[in-house]
Amino acid sequence: MFNKNLLLASLLIITSVNLCGQKYRDTIEKKLNAYKKITLTSDISSLSIDERRGLKFLILAAQEMNELFWLQSFGNKLELDSIKDPIIRQYAIINYGPWDRLNNNKPFVKGYGAKPAGANFYPKDMTKQEFESLVDSNKNNPNMVINRNPEDNKLRAENYPGNYMMHLSNTFQALQAAAVFFEKSDSMFSNFLKLRALALMTNQYTESDIAWLDLKNNKFDIIIGSIENYEDQLLGIRTSFEAFVLIKDLSWSKKLEKYVSYLPELQKNLPGEDKYKAETAGSSSQLNAYDVVYYAGDCNAGSKTIAVNLPNDEKLQLEKGTRRSQLKNAIQAKYENIMVPISNILIDSTQRKHLTFNAFFSTIMFHEVAHGLGIKITINGNGTVKDALGADYSALEEGKADILGLYMITQLYNKKVLQEGELMDYYVTFMAGIFRSVRFGASSAHGKANMIRFNYFREQGAFTRNDITGQYIINFEKMKDAMTSLSALILKLQGDGDVAGVKKLLQEKGKINDELQKDLDGLSNKNIPVDIIFEQGLEVLGLMAD
């Protein structure tokens, strides 16, 4: 007998499922649209045929880093082919997996649970206690994965080349080919490429890092290899593959040269006790500006890196210094498409005039400078700051770089070395930059650093919020005081290797409160982009036929 009630109930269930599915898809589409697509290009019309061919092989090498990061962060990316909806699949590609990097790594694809804190660097069933009991001299090597021995199921360290041979071999060949094409125009850059190719195959990076730091007049550059440890949120040890292909902006790089000579003085004048700033940075530090023409791997996952300070080797930093690379075209894209709209909504109208591109570029640049300053070896014999603080190191280090960057800007402006604009420009732009960066979520090292600074500033009265307009206004003098005291606090925590103190700081101030979250949600509701994604590659640059 035909049951109308049963049919009606079935139709209601089907309709409800379809509506839920459509609502879910609409949510992901909104997230996808929060990324503004930018074309990454540069004027290469004056390049020689050999330079164009060399640039092509640099990009081919970088593409291999992309494949390697997929393996490290997720696994076989072909598994995502099971996602039939193109919107959801595209969002998974941006995030290098089914976890939303700008929403505390929450899964957004059905069938996937929480993102493993150790990504694919460790067995999924490994505990910290099991790792700590492992007796292996290589277990803390950042360029080695931890696997299980198939014979006895015990942990063992295995080097990256052994795990990723196919893609590393392809990278080796591409870098060697690029070296041949750059040999005539820049023999030093060509030699670096050969050394870097070898480093990727041997896990020994020091010689190529030194060769890279010795480059001064190179028109082209590539940052490539296993570099940052952000993806390892379990222990903060393993490094991930990434690459930037760069063309130097000669005029802007020339402008930045003058700041290098002030680094020893800036180190000496850092806030806090002398014992936390007694180290001396290397003498060959560089500041350069580039057009970035290709991103790959870790730096391209979720929020996009717009400045780099390398190498990360603390001993090399002390002996040789670092290179701070500002990715000017990407910085410009974020300023125009994100910073300006955010300021128009959240910064008080009387202070919006102080938002400038020059101030934004400078805060980004001096963030990278600050990574090379401060303290890298604990003062109490606990080894490097990185080793002493473990998984919490990155969040505190990013916080140090942010706040010391503003401190150095203040010092240089007062000395009339930095002369562009007004000092207030840098403070207002810095505050707007917090809103930009904290939208990436509080799960990443950068996100935690932003929240520590925001909450510390709020407690110190560095800004106030108008409850009627929802806009923020900076108190210049109190912000300067808060900047100085927070700088001294972070340097002390690092110098002491104070694990408990860092954990307490992160727990108390590393979170987004409801009021701020409401303001951030308001930005999304007004369709302000969260970050940028790229149309990039050989075809975009017109190199397909070369």
Protein backbone atom coordinates (compact mmCIF):
# COMPACT_ATOMS: atom_id res chain seq x y z
CA MET A 1 0.00 0.00 0.00
CA PHE A 2 1.32 3.42 -0.99
CA ASN A 3 2.44 5.39 2.11
CA LYS A 4 2.30 9.15 1.43
CA ASN A 5 3.73 9.99 4.86
CA LEU A 6 6.79 7.81 4.24
CA LEU A 7 7.35 9.40 0.82
CA LEU A 8 7.02 12.89 2.28
CA ALA A 9 9.53 12.08 5.04
CA SER A 10 12.00 10.71 2.46
CA LEU A 11 11.68 13.84 0.32
CA LEU A 12 12.27 16.04 3.37
CA ILE A 13 15.45 14.10 4.23
CA ILE A 14 16.77 14.35 0.65
CA THR A 15 15.99 18.07 0.52
CA SER A 16 17.72 18.63 3.87
CA VAL A 17 20.84 16.73 2.72
CA ASN A 18 20.96 18.70 -0.53
CA LEU A 19 20.58 22.02 1.30
CA CYS A 20 23.34 21.09 3.75
CA GLY A 21 25.58 20.06 0.88
CA GLN A 22 24.94 23.32 -0.95
CA LYS A 23 25.53 25.35 2.22
CA TYR A 24 28.84 23.53 2.76
CA ARG A 25 29.89 24.17 -0.84
CA ASP A 26 28.94 27.85 -0.55
CA THR A 27 31.08 28.12 2.58
CA ILE A 28 34.12 26.67 0.80
CA GLU A 29 33.51 28.89 -2.22
CA LYS A 30 33.50 31.94 0.05
CA LYS A 31 36.80 30.79 1.54
CA LEU A 32 38.25 30.28 -1.91
CA ASN A 33 37.15 33.74 -2.99
CA ALA A 34 38.96 35.19 0.03
CA TYR A 35 42.19 34.62 -1.92
CA LYS A 36 42.89 37.33 -4.49
CA LYS A 37 44.54 35.98 -7.64
CA ILE A 38 47.68 37.88 -8.65
CA THR A 39 49.78 37.43 -11.79
CA LEU A 40 53.44 36.95 -10.91
CA THR A 41 55.58 38.45 -13.62
CA SER A 42 58.52 40.72 -14.29
CA ASP A 43 59.96 42.58 -17.27
CA ILE A 44 62.29 40.03 -18.89
CA SER A 45 62.40 41.66 -22.32
CA SER A 46 66.07 42.63 -21.94
CA LEU A 47 67.26 39.14 -20.95
CA SER A 48 69.62 37.26 -23.24
CA ILE A 49 68.61 33.92 -24.71
CA ASP A 50 70.85 32.09 -22.23
CA GLU A 51 69.38 34.03 -19.30
CA ARG A 52 65.85 33.20 -20.40
CA ARG A 53 66.76 29.52 -20.67
CA GLY A 54 68.48 29.61 -17.30
CA LEU A 55 65.40 31.20 -15.75
CA LYS A 56 63.26 28.47 -17.27
CA PHE A 57 65.32 25.75 -15.58
CA LEU A 58 65.17 27.58 -12.25
CA ILE A 59 61.38 27.39 -12.45
CA LEU A 60 61.52 23.71 -13.41
CA ALA A 61 63.67 23.07 -10.33
CA ALA A 62 61.21 24.99 -8.17
CA GLN A 63 58.31 22.92 -9.46
CA GLU A 64 59.95 19.83 -7.99
CA MET A 65 59.93 21.50 -4.57
CA ASN A 66 56.18 21.77 -4.93
CA GLU A 67 55.85 18.02 -5.43
CA LEU A 68 58.13 17.35 -2.47
CA PHE A 69 56.14 19.58 -0.13
CA TRP A 70 52.97 17.72 -1.08
CA LEU A 71 54.63 14.49 0.06
CA GLN A 72 55.77 16.07 3.32
CA SER A 73 52.55 17.86 4.23
CA PHE A 74 49.88 15.49 2.91
CA GLY A 75 51.09 12.50 0.91
CA ASN A 76 50.03 11.49 -2.59
CA LYS A 77 48.14 14.50 -3.92
CA LEU A 78 46.36 12.26 -6.45
CA GLU A 79 44.15 11.19 -3.54
CA LEU A 80 42.47 14.58 -3.87
CA ASP A 81 41.16 13.51 -7.28
CA SER A 82 38.42 11.78 -5.31
CA ILE A 83 37.06 15.26 -4.51
CA LYS A 84 34.62 15.71 -7.38
CA ASP A 85 33.57 19.28 -6.64
CA PRO A 86 36.07 21.60 -8.41
CA ILE A 87 35.58 24.37 -5.82
CA ILE A 88 36.47 22.12 -2.90
CA ARG A 89 39.34 20.52 -4.83
CA GLN A 90 40.83 23.92 -5.67
CA TYR A 91 40.67 24.94 -2.02
CA ALA A 92 42.47 21.73 -1.08
CA ILE A 93 45.22 22.55 -3.62
CA ILE A 94 45.73 26.01 -2.09
CA ASN A 95 46.06 24.39 1.35
CA TYR A 96 48.21 21.46 0.16
CA GLY A 97 45.68 19.11 1.66
CA PRO A 98 42.21 18.91 3.21
CA TRP A 99 43.05 21.11 6.23
CA ASP A 100 42.32 24.83 6.27
CA ARG A 101 45.61 26.55 7.05
CA LEU A 102 43.89 29.86 7.77
CA ASN A 103 41.40 28.26 10.16
CA ASN A 104 43.63 26.45 12.66
CA ASN A 105 44.14 23.52 10.25
CA LYS A 106 40.56 22.31 10.61
CA PRO A 107 39.59 19.61 8.09
CA PHE A 108 37.16 20.75 5.39
CA VAL A 109 36.92 17.55 3.33
CA LYS A 110 34.73 14.71 4.59
CA GLY A 111 36.62 11.62 5.62
CA TYR A 112 39.64 13.44 7.01
CA GLY A 113 40.27 13.97 10.69
CA ALA A 114 42.64 16.36 12.39
CA LYS A 115 45.87 17.24 10.61
CA PRO A 116 48.75 15.23 12.11
CA ALA A 117 50.90 17.67 14.11
CA GLY A 118 54.02 16.03 12.69
CA ALA A 119 52.69 16.04 9.11
CA ASN A 120 54.45 13.18 7.28
CA PHE A 121 57.78 13.62 9.06
CA TYR A 122 56.95 10.93 11.63
CA PRO A 123 54.86 7.74 11.83
CA LYS A 124 51.27 8.68 12.60
CA ASP A 125 51.24 6.44 15.68
CA MET A 126 54.51 7.77 17.14
CA THR A 127 54.35 9.42 20.55
CA LYS A 128 56.71 12.08 21.86
CA GLN A 129 57.85 9.64 24.55
CA GLU A 130 58.73 7.06 21.91
CA PHE A 131 60.75 9.66 20.01
CA GLU A 132 62.57 10.80 23.14
CA SER A 133 63.58 7.22 23.93
CA LEU A 134 65.00 6.70 20.41
CA VAL A 135 68.78 6.32 20.52
CA ASP A 136 69.95 7.71 17.18
CA SER A 137 72.49 10.49 16.67
CA ASN A 138 70.52 11.70 13.63
CA LYS A 139 67.10 11.92 15.21
CA ASN A 140 67.31 15.73 15.59
CA ASN A 141 68.73 16.30 12.12
CA PRO A 142 66.24 18.71 10.46
CA ASN A 143 66.75 17.06 7.05
CA MET A 144 65.84 13.53 8.09
CA VAL A 145 62.45 11.87 8.50
CA ILE A 146 61.58 9.37 11.21
CA ASN A 147 60.27 6.07 9.84
CA ARG A 148 59.66 2.63 11.25
CA ASN A 149 61.98 -0.23 10.43
CA PRO A 150 59.75 -2.76 8.61
CA GLU A 151 61.63 -5.65 10.25
CA ASP A 152 61.15 -4.75 13.92
CA ASN A 153 58.76 -1.73 13.75
CA LYS A 154 61.24 0.42 15.68
CA LEU A 155 61.89 4.07 14.86
CA ARG A 156 64.84 5.08 12.72
CA ALA A 157 66.06 8.31 11.09
CA GLU A 158 66.37 8.34 7.30
CA ASN A 159 67.80 11.19 5.23
CA TYR A 160 65.71 13.19 2.79
CA PRO A 161 67.55 12.08 -0.37
CA GLY A 162 66.78 8.45 0.44
CA ASN A 163 63.08 9.23 0.88
CA TYR A 164 62.61 11.68 -1.99
CA MET A 165 65.18 10.54 -4.56
CA MET A 166 63.11 10.93 -7.74
CA HIS A 167 62.14 14.57 -7.23
CA LEU A 168 65.53 15.54 -5.80
CA SER A 169 67.24 13.95 -8.79
CA ASN A 170 65.01 16.00 -11.12
CA THR A 171 65.87 19.14 -9.13
CA PHE A 172 69.58 18.33 -9.36
CA GLN A 173 69.40 18.05 -13.14
CA ALA A 174 67.38 21.27 -13.53
CA LEU A 175 69.79 23.30 -11.36
CA GLN A 176 72.79 21.88 -13.21
CA ALA A 177 71.20 22.84 -16.53
CA ALA A 178 70.47 26.36 -15.25
CA ALA A 179 74.09 26.66 -14.12
CA VAL A 180 75.29 26.02 -17.66
CA PHE A 181 73.15 28.84 -19.09
CA PHE A 182 74.23 31.35 -16.41
CA GLU A 183 77.94 30.48 -16.64
CA LYS A 184 78.82 33.27 -19.10
CA SER A 185 76.83 36.08 -17.51
CA ASP A 186 77.40 35.23 -13.81
CA SER A 187 79.95 32.53 -12.98
CA MET A 188 79.46 32.96 -9.20
CA PHE A 189 75.72 32.39 -9.47
CA SER A 190 76.39 29.42 -11.73
CA ASN A 191 78.76 27.95 -9.15
CA PHE A 192 76.17 28.44 -6.39
CA LEU A 193 73.57 26.53 -8.44
CA LYS A 194 75.96 23.60 -8.83
CA LEU A 195 76.68 23.57 -5.10
CA ARG A 196 73.00 23.80 -4.23
CA ALA A 197 72.18 20.95 -6.56
CA LEU A 198 74.78 18.84 -4.78
CA ALA A 199 73.51 19.93 -1.35
CA LEU A 200 70.04 18.64 -2.12
CA MET A 201 71.48 15.22 -2.92
CA THR A 202 73.83 15.01 0.07
CA ASN A 203 71.90 16.79 2.85
CA GLN A 204 74.93 19.05 3.36
CA TYR A 205 73.92 22.69 2.84
CA THR A 206 76.69 24.74 4.47
CA GLU A 207 79.01 25.14 1.46
CA SER A 208 76.16 26.23 -0.80
CA ASP A 209 74.83 28.60 1.90
CA ILE A 210 78.23 30.29 2.07
CA ALA A 211 78.39 30.54 -1.73
CA TRP A 212 74.90 32.08 -1.69
CA LEU A 213 75.86 34.66 0.93
CA ASP A 214 78.93 35.59 -1.13
CA LEU A 215 76.72 36.57 -4.08
CA LYS A 216 76.53 40.37 -4.30
CA ASN A 217 75.82 41.41 -7.88
CA ASN A 218 73.61 38.60 -9.15
CA LYS A 219 70.64 39.66 -11.26
CA PHE A 220 68.82 36.37 -10.59
CA ASP A 221 68.37 34.37 -7.44
CA ILE A 222 66.71 31.19 -6.24
CA ILE A 223 65.95 30.19 -2.67
CA ILE A 224 65.53 26.44 -2.83
CA GLY A 225 65.79 23.48 -0.53
CA SER A 226 64.59 22.14 2.78
CA ILE A 227 64.44 25.32 4.83
CA GLU A 228 61.72 26.19 7.37
CA ASN A 229 60.36 24.04 10.21
CA TYR A 230 56.82 25.51 10.42
CA GLU A 231 55.15 22.34 9.09
CA ASP A 232 56.52 20.24 11.94
CA GLN A 233 54.15 21.34 14.70
CA LEU A 234 54.86 18.23 16.75
CA LEU A 235 58.52 18.84 17.58
CA GLY A 236 59.51 21.85 15.47
CA ILE A 237 62.55 20.02 14.07
CA ARG A 238 61.94 18.86 10.48
CA THR A 239 62.30 21.29 7.61
CA SER A 240 60.08 21.51 4.53
CA PHE A 241 60.90 21.94 0.86
CA GLU A 242 60.19 25.25 -0.85
CA ALA A 243 61.48 27.55 -3.57
CA PHE A 244 61.32 31.18 -4.66
CA VAL A 245 62.57 32.21 -8.12
CA LEU A 246 63.65 35.85 -8.00
CA ILE A 247 64.74 38.71 -10.25
CA LYS A 248 66.50 41.52 -8.40
CA ASP A 249 65.05 45.03 -8.37
CA LEU A 250 68.38 46.84 -8.73
CA SER A 251 67.15 50.35 -7.89
CA TRP A 252 65.31 49.35 -4.70
CA SER A 253 68.17 47.09 -3.60
CA LYS A 254 70.54 50.04 -3.95
CA LYS A 255 68.28 52.10 -1.66
CA LEU A 256 68.45 49.44 1.04
CA GLU A 257 72.25 49.09 1.13
CA LYS A 258 72.75 51.93 3.61
CA TYR A 259 70.93 50.14 6.41
CA VAL A 260 73.37 47.22 6.61
CA SER A 261 76.14 49.30 8.20
CA TYR A 262 73.84 50.15 11.13
CA LEU A 263 73.20 46.53 12.16
CA PRO A 264 75.97 46.33 14.83
CA GLU A 265 74.73 49.58 16.38
CA LEU A 266 71.12 48.38 16.29
CA GLN A 267 72.14 45.15 18.00
CA LYS A 268 73.98 47.07 20.71
CA ASN A 269 71.01 49.39 21.34
CA LEU A 270 68.37 46.68 21.67
CA PRO A 271 66.23 47.02 24.83
CA GLY A 272 66.97 44.94 27.90
CA GLU A 273 70.04 43.81 29.78
CA ASP A 274 73.40 43.75 27.98
CA LYS A 275 73.81 40.00 28.43
CA TYR A 276 70.84 39.40 26.10
CA LYS A 277 72.37 41.40 23.23
CA ALA A 278 76.08 40.62 23.53
CA GLU A 279 76.23 38.61 20.30
CA THR A 280 77.50 40.25 17.10
CA ALA A 281 75.84 39.63 13.74
CA GLY A 282 78.02 38.72 10.74
CA SER A 283 79.42 41.46 8.56
CA SER A 284 78.12 40.30 5.20
CA SER A 285 74.42 40.83 5.88
CA GLN A 286 72.48 42.03 2.85
CA LEU A 287 69.18 43.75 2.15
CA ASN A 288 67.76 43.25 -1.33
CA ALA A 289 64.45 43.73 -3.13
CA TYR A 290 63.17 41.35 -5.79
CA ASP A 291 60.35 40.56 -8.14
CA VAL A 292 59.35 37.01 -7.29
CA VAL A 293 58.25 35.10 -10.38
CA TYR A 294 57.59 31.67 -8.87
CA TYR A 295 56.54 30.29 -5.48
CA ALA A 296 56.63 26.58 -4.62
CA GLY A 297 56.11 24.39 -1.59
CA ASP A 298 56.02 25.60 2.00
CA CYS A 299 56.15 29.33 1.17
CA ASN A 300 53.13 28.88 -1.13
CA ALA A 301 50.91 27.03 1.37
CA GLY A 302 48.03 29.08 2.75
CA SER A 303 49.37 32.56 3.57
CA LYS A 304 52.15 33.58 1.20
CA THR A 305 55.62 34.55 2.37
CA ILE A 306 56.62 38.07 1.26
CA ALA A 307 60.09 38.40 2.81
CA VAL A 308 62.83 35.95 3.73
CA ASN A 309 65.83 36.00 6.09
CA LEU A 310 68.30 33.18 5.47
CA PRO A 311 70.20 31.01 6.16
CA ASN A 312 68.67 29.67 9.39
CA ASP A 313 71.94 28.13 10.56
CA GLU A 314 72.75 30.09 13.75
CA LYS A 315 76.51 29.55 13.42
CA LEU A 316 76.52 30.86 9.86
CA GLN A 317 74.43 33.85 10.91
CA LEU A 318 77.03 34.77 13.50
CA GLU A 319 79.99 34.16 11.16
CA LYS A 320 78.67 35.43 7.82
CA GLY A 321 75.40 37.22 8.45
CA THR A 322 72.21 36.70 6.48
CA ARG A 323 70.46 37.90 3.37
CA ARG A 324 67.11 39.62 3.84
CA SER A 325 65.12 39.30 0.65
CA GLN A 326 62.06 41.53 0.20
CA LEU A 327 59.60 40.27 -2.42
CA LYS A 328 58.51 43.68 -3.58
CA ASN A 329 55.84 42.78 -6.14
CA ALA A 330 54.13 40.41 -3.69
CA ILE A 331 54.33 43.03 -0.92
CA GLN A 332 52.74 45.57 -3.28
CA ALA A 333 49.94 43.14 -4.09
CA LYS A 334 49.13 42.56 -0.42
CA TYR A 335 49.27 46.27 0.35
CA GLU A 336 46.86 47.29 -2.40
CA ASN A 337 44.40 44.42 -2.12
CA ILE A 338 44.41 43.76 1.63
CA MET A 339 46.11 46.42 3.76
CA VAL A 340 44.29 49.43 2.30
CA PRO A 341 40.78 47.88 2.54
CA ILE A 342 41.45 46.69 6.11
CA SER A 343 42.61 50.16 7.14
CA ASN A 344 39.48 51.73 5.65
CA ILE A 345 37.36 49.55 7.93
CA LEU A 346 39.29 49.05 11.18
CA ILE A 347 41.61 52.06 11.54
CA ASP A 348 40.12 55.31 12.86
CA SER A 349 39.51 57.79 10.04
CA THR A 350 41.80 60.38 11.65
CA GLN A 351 44.80 58.02 11.36
CA ARG A 352 44.25 56.36 7.97
CA LYS A 353 46.48 58.87 6.23
CA HIS A 354 49.39 57.23 8.03
CA LEU A 355 48.97 53.95 6.14
CA THR A 356 51.62 53.97 3.39
CA PHE A 357 53.28 51.41 1.13
CA ASN A 358 56.72 52.59 2.17
CA ALA A 359 55.87 51.97 5.84
CA PHE A 360 54.44 48.54 5.02
CA PHE A 361 57.54 47.61 3.01
CA SER A 362 59.77 48.83 5.84
CA THR A 363 57.95 46.89 8.57
CA ILE A 364 58.24 43.74 6.44
CA MET A 365 61.92 44.41 5.74
CA PHE A 366 62.95 45.12 9.32
CA HIS A 367 61.05 42.06 10.49
CA GLU A 368 63.55 40.06 8.46
CA VAL A 369 66.47 42.16 9.73
CA ALA A 370 65.37 41.43 13.29
CA HIS A 371 65.64 37.68 12.74
CA GLY A 372 69.40 38.21 12.48
CA LEU A 373 69.63 40.27 15.67
CA GLY A 374 69.00 39.54 19.33
CA ILE A 375 70.28 36.31 20.84
CA LYS A 376 70.77 32.85 19.33
CA ILE A 377 72.74 31.06 22.06
CA THR A 378 71.23 30.87 25.55
CA ILE A 379 73.19 32.60 28.31
CA ASN A 380 72.92 29.67 30.75
CA GLY A 381 74.51 26.85 28.77
CA ASN A 382 71.28 25.37 27.38
CA GLY A 383 72.55 25.47 23.79
CA THR A 384 70.85 27.41 21.02
CA VAL A 385 67.59 29.21 21.67
CA LYS A 386 66.01 27.02 18.99
CA ASP A 387 67.04 23.78 20.69
CA ALA A 388 66.13 25.05 24.16
CA LEU A 389 62.59 26.16 23.25
CA GLY A 390 61.74 23.29 20.91
CA ALA A 391 58.32 23.43 19.24
CA ASP A 392 57.55 26.86 20.77
CA TYR A 393 60.66 28.47 19.28
CA SER A 394 59.13 29.55 15.96
CA ALA A 395 56.20 31.45 17.50
CA LEU A 396 58.44 33.41 19.85
CA GLU A 397 61.04 34.05 17.15
CA GLU A 398 58.40 35.46 14.79
CA GLY A 399 57.13 37.64 17.63
CA LYS A 400 60.67 38.88 18.26
CA ALA A 401 61.16 39.74 14.61
CA ASP A 402 57.91 41.69 14.45
CA ILE A 403 58.45 43.82 17.53
CA LEU A 404 62.20 44.35 17.12
CA GLY A 405 61.55 45.39 13.53
CA LEU A 406 59.38 48.27 14.74
CA TYR A 407 61.93 49.09 17.43
CA MET A 408 64.70 49.39 14.82
CA ILE A 409 62.53 51.54 12.57
CA THR A 410 62.05 53.90 15.51
CA GLN A 411 65.80 54.02 16.19
CA LEU A 412 66.71 54.70 12.57
CA TYR A 413 63.99 57.31 12.14
CA ASN A 414 65.15 59.19 15.23
CA LYS A 415 68.71 59.13 13.86
CA LYS A 416 67.35 60.54 10.55
CA VAL A 417 68.69 57.51 8.68
CA LEU A 418 65.17 56.47 7.77
CA GLN A 419 63.65 59.66 6.40
CA GLU A 420 60.55 58.71 4.44
CA GLY A 421 57.22 59.90 5.84
CA GLU A 422 56.36 60.38 9.51
CA LEU A 423 57.20 58.00 12.36
CA MET A 424 53.47 57.67 13.01
CA ASP A 425 53.14 56.13 9.52
CA TYR A 426 55.08 53.09 10.68
CA TYR A 427 53.06 52.64 13.87
CA VAL A 428 49.65 52.86 12.21
CA THR A 429 50.77 50.62 9.34
CA PHE A 430 52.21 48.16 11.87
CA MET A 431 48.87 48.02 13.67
CA ALA A 432 46.97 47.48 10.42
CA GLY A 433 49.47 44.74 9.63
CA ILE A 434 48.46 42.88 12.79
CA PHE A 435 44.87 42.72 11.54
CA ARG A 436 46.11 41.47 8.16
CA SER A 437 48.29 38.73 9.61
CA VAL A 438 46.04 37.54 12.43
CA ARG A 439 43.41 36.61 9.86
CA PHE A 440 45.70 33.66 9.07
CA GLY A 441 44.57 32.12 12.37
CA ALA A 442 46.30 31.55 15.67
CA SER A 443 47.58 28.03 14.99
CA SER A 444 50.69 28.98 13.01
CA ALA A 445 53.87 30.48 14.43
CA HIS A 446 53.07 33.83 12.81
CA GLY A 447 49.48 33.73 14.06
CA LYS A 448 50.53 33.12 17.67
CA ALA A 449 53.12 35.89 17.40
CA ASN A 450 50.49 38.34 16.18
CA MET A 451 48.12 37.52 19.01
CA ILE A 452 50.83 37.88 21.67
CA ARG A 453 51.56 41.35 20.33
CA PHE A 454 47.91 42.37 19.94
CA ASN A 455 46.95 41.30 23.45
CA TYR A 456 50.08 42.80 25.00
CA PHE A 457 49.42 46.12 23.23
CA ARG A 458 45.80 46.08 24.38
CA GLU A 459 46.80 45.48 28.01
CA GLN A 460 49.36 48.30 27.85
CA GLY A 461 46.89 50.79 26.32
CA ALA A 462 48.80 51.03 23.03
CA PHE A 463 45.45 51.30 21.24
CA THR A 464 41.79 51.71 22.06
CA ARG A 465 38.72 50.48 20.22
CA ASN A 466 35.70 52.66 19.58
CA ASP A 467 32.74 50.48 20.58
CA ILE A 468 30.40 52.45 18.31
CA THR A 469 32.41 52.40 15.08
CA GLY A 470 34.44 49.26 15.81
CA GLN A 471 37.58 51.15 14.76
CA TYR A 472 40.96 51.29 16.46
CA ILE A 473 43.06 54.33 17.29
CA ILE A 474 46.74 54.15 18.25
CA ASN A 475 48.14 55.86 21.33
CA PHE A 476 51.61 56.70 19.99
CA GLU A 477 53.50 57.11 23.28
CA LYS A 478 51.98 54.04 24.96
CA MET A 479 52.63 51.96 21.85
CA LYS A 480 56.31 52.98 21.95
CA ASP A 481 56.50 51.96 25.63
CA ALA A 482 54.75 48.64 24.96
CA MET A 483 57.04 47.97 21.98
CA THR A 484 60.13 48.49 24.15
CA SER A 485 58.98 46.39 27.10
CA LEU A 486 57.74 43.52 24.90
CA SER A 487 61.06 43.51 23.01
CA ALA A 488 62.99 43.19 26.27
CA LEU A 489 60.66 40.45 27.53
CA ILE A 490 61.04 38.29 24.42
CA LEU A 491 64.82 38.68 24.35
CA LYS A 492 64.99 37.58 28.00
CA LEU A 493 62.77 34.54 27.39
CA GLN A 494 64.97 33.53 24.48
CA GLY A 495 68.27 34.17 26.25
CA ASP A 496 67.18 32.19 29.30
CA GLY A 497 65.75 29.37 27.17
CA ASP A 498 62.73 29.74 29.44
CA VAL A 499 60.42 26.99 28.22
CA ALA A 500 57.85 27.48 31.00
CA GLY A 501 57.82 31.25 30.52
CA VAL A 502 57.25 30.95 26.78
CA LYS A 503 54.43 28.44 27.25
CA LYS A 504 52.79 30.76 29.76
CA LEU A 505 53.05 33.71 27.36
CA LEU A 506 51.56 31.69 24.51
CA GLN A 507 48.76 30.35 26.68
CA GLU A 508 47.80 33.72 28.13
CA LYS A 509 48.22 35.93 25.05
CA GLY A 510 48.34 33.65 22.01
CA LYS A 511 44.58 33.49 21.49
CA ILE A 512 41.99 35.48 19.53
CA ASN A 513 39.30 36.93 21.79
CA ASP A 514 35.63 37.18 20.81
CA GLU A 515 35.71 40.92 20.16
CA LEU A 516 38.64 40.70 17.75
CA GLN A 517 37.14 37.65 16.06
CA LYS A 518 33.96 39.62 15.43
CA ASP A 519 36.00 42.40 13.80
CA LEU A 520 37.87 39.89 11.65
CA ASP A 521 34.60 38.25 10.61
CA GLY A 522 33.38 41.69 9.58
CA LEU A 523 36.32 41.96 7.15
CA SER A 524 35.34 38.64 5.59
CA ASN A 525 31.70 39.70 5.35
CA LYS A 526 32.84 42.76 3.38
CA ASN A 527 34.79 40.46 1.02
CA ILE A 528 38.22 41.79 1.98
CA PRO A 529 40.75 39.21 0.70
CA VAL A 530 42.57 37.22 3.34
CA ASP A 531 45.58 36.54 1.18
CA ILE A 532 46.78 36.13 -2.40
CA ILE A 533 47.26 33.23 -4.78
CA PHE A 534 49.23 33.24 -7.98
CA GLU A 535 48.91 32.80 -11.68
CA GLN A 536 52.52 31.92 -12.34
CA GLY A 537 54.90 29.79 -14.34
CA LEU A 538 56.65 29.46 -17.67
CA GLU A 539 53.62 30.37 -19.76
CA VAL A 540 52.91 33.52 -17.73
CA LEU A 541 56.50 34.68 -18.28
CA GLY A 542 56.48 33.72 -21.95
CA LEU A 543 59.21 31.11 -21.53
CA MET A 544 57.43 28.07 -22.96
CA ALA A 545 59.18 28.28 -26.33
CA ASP A 546 62.68 28.89 -24.95
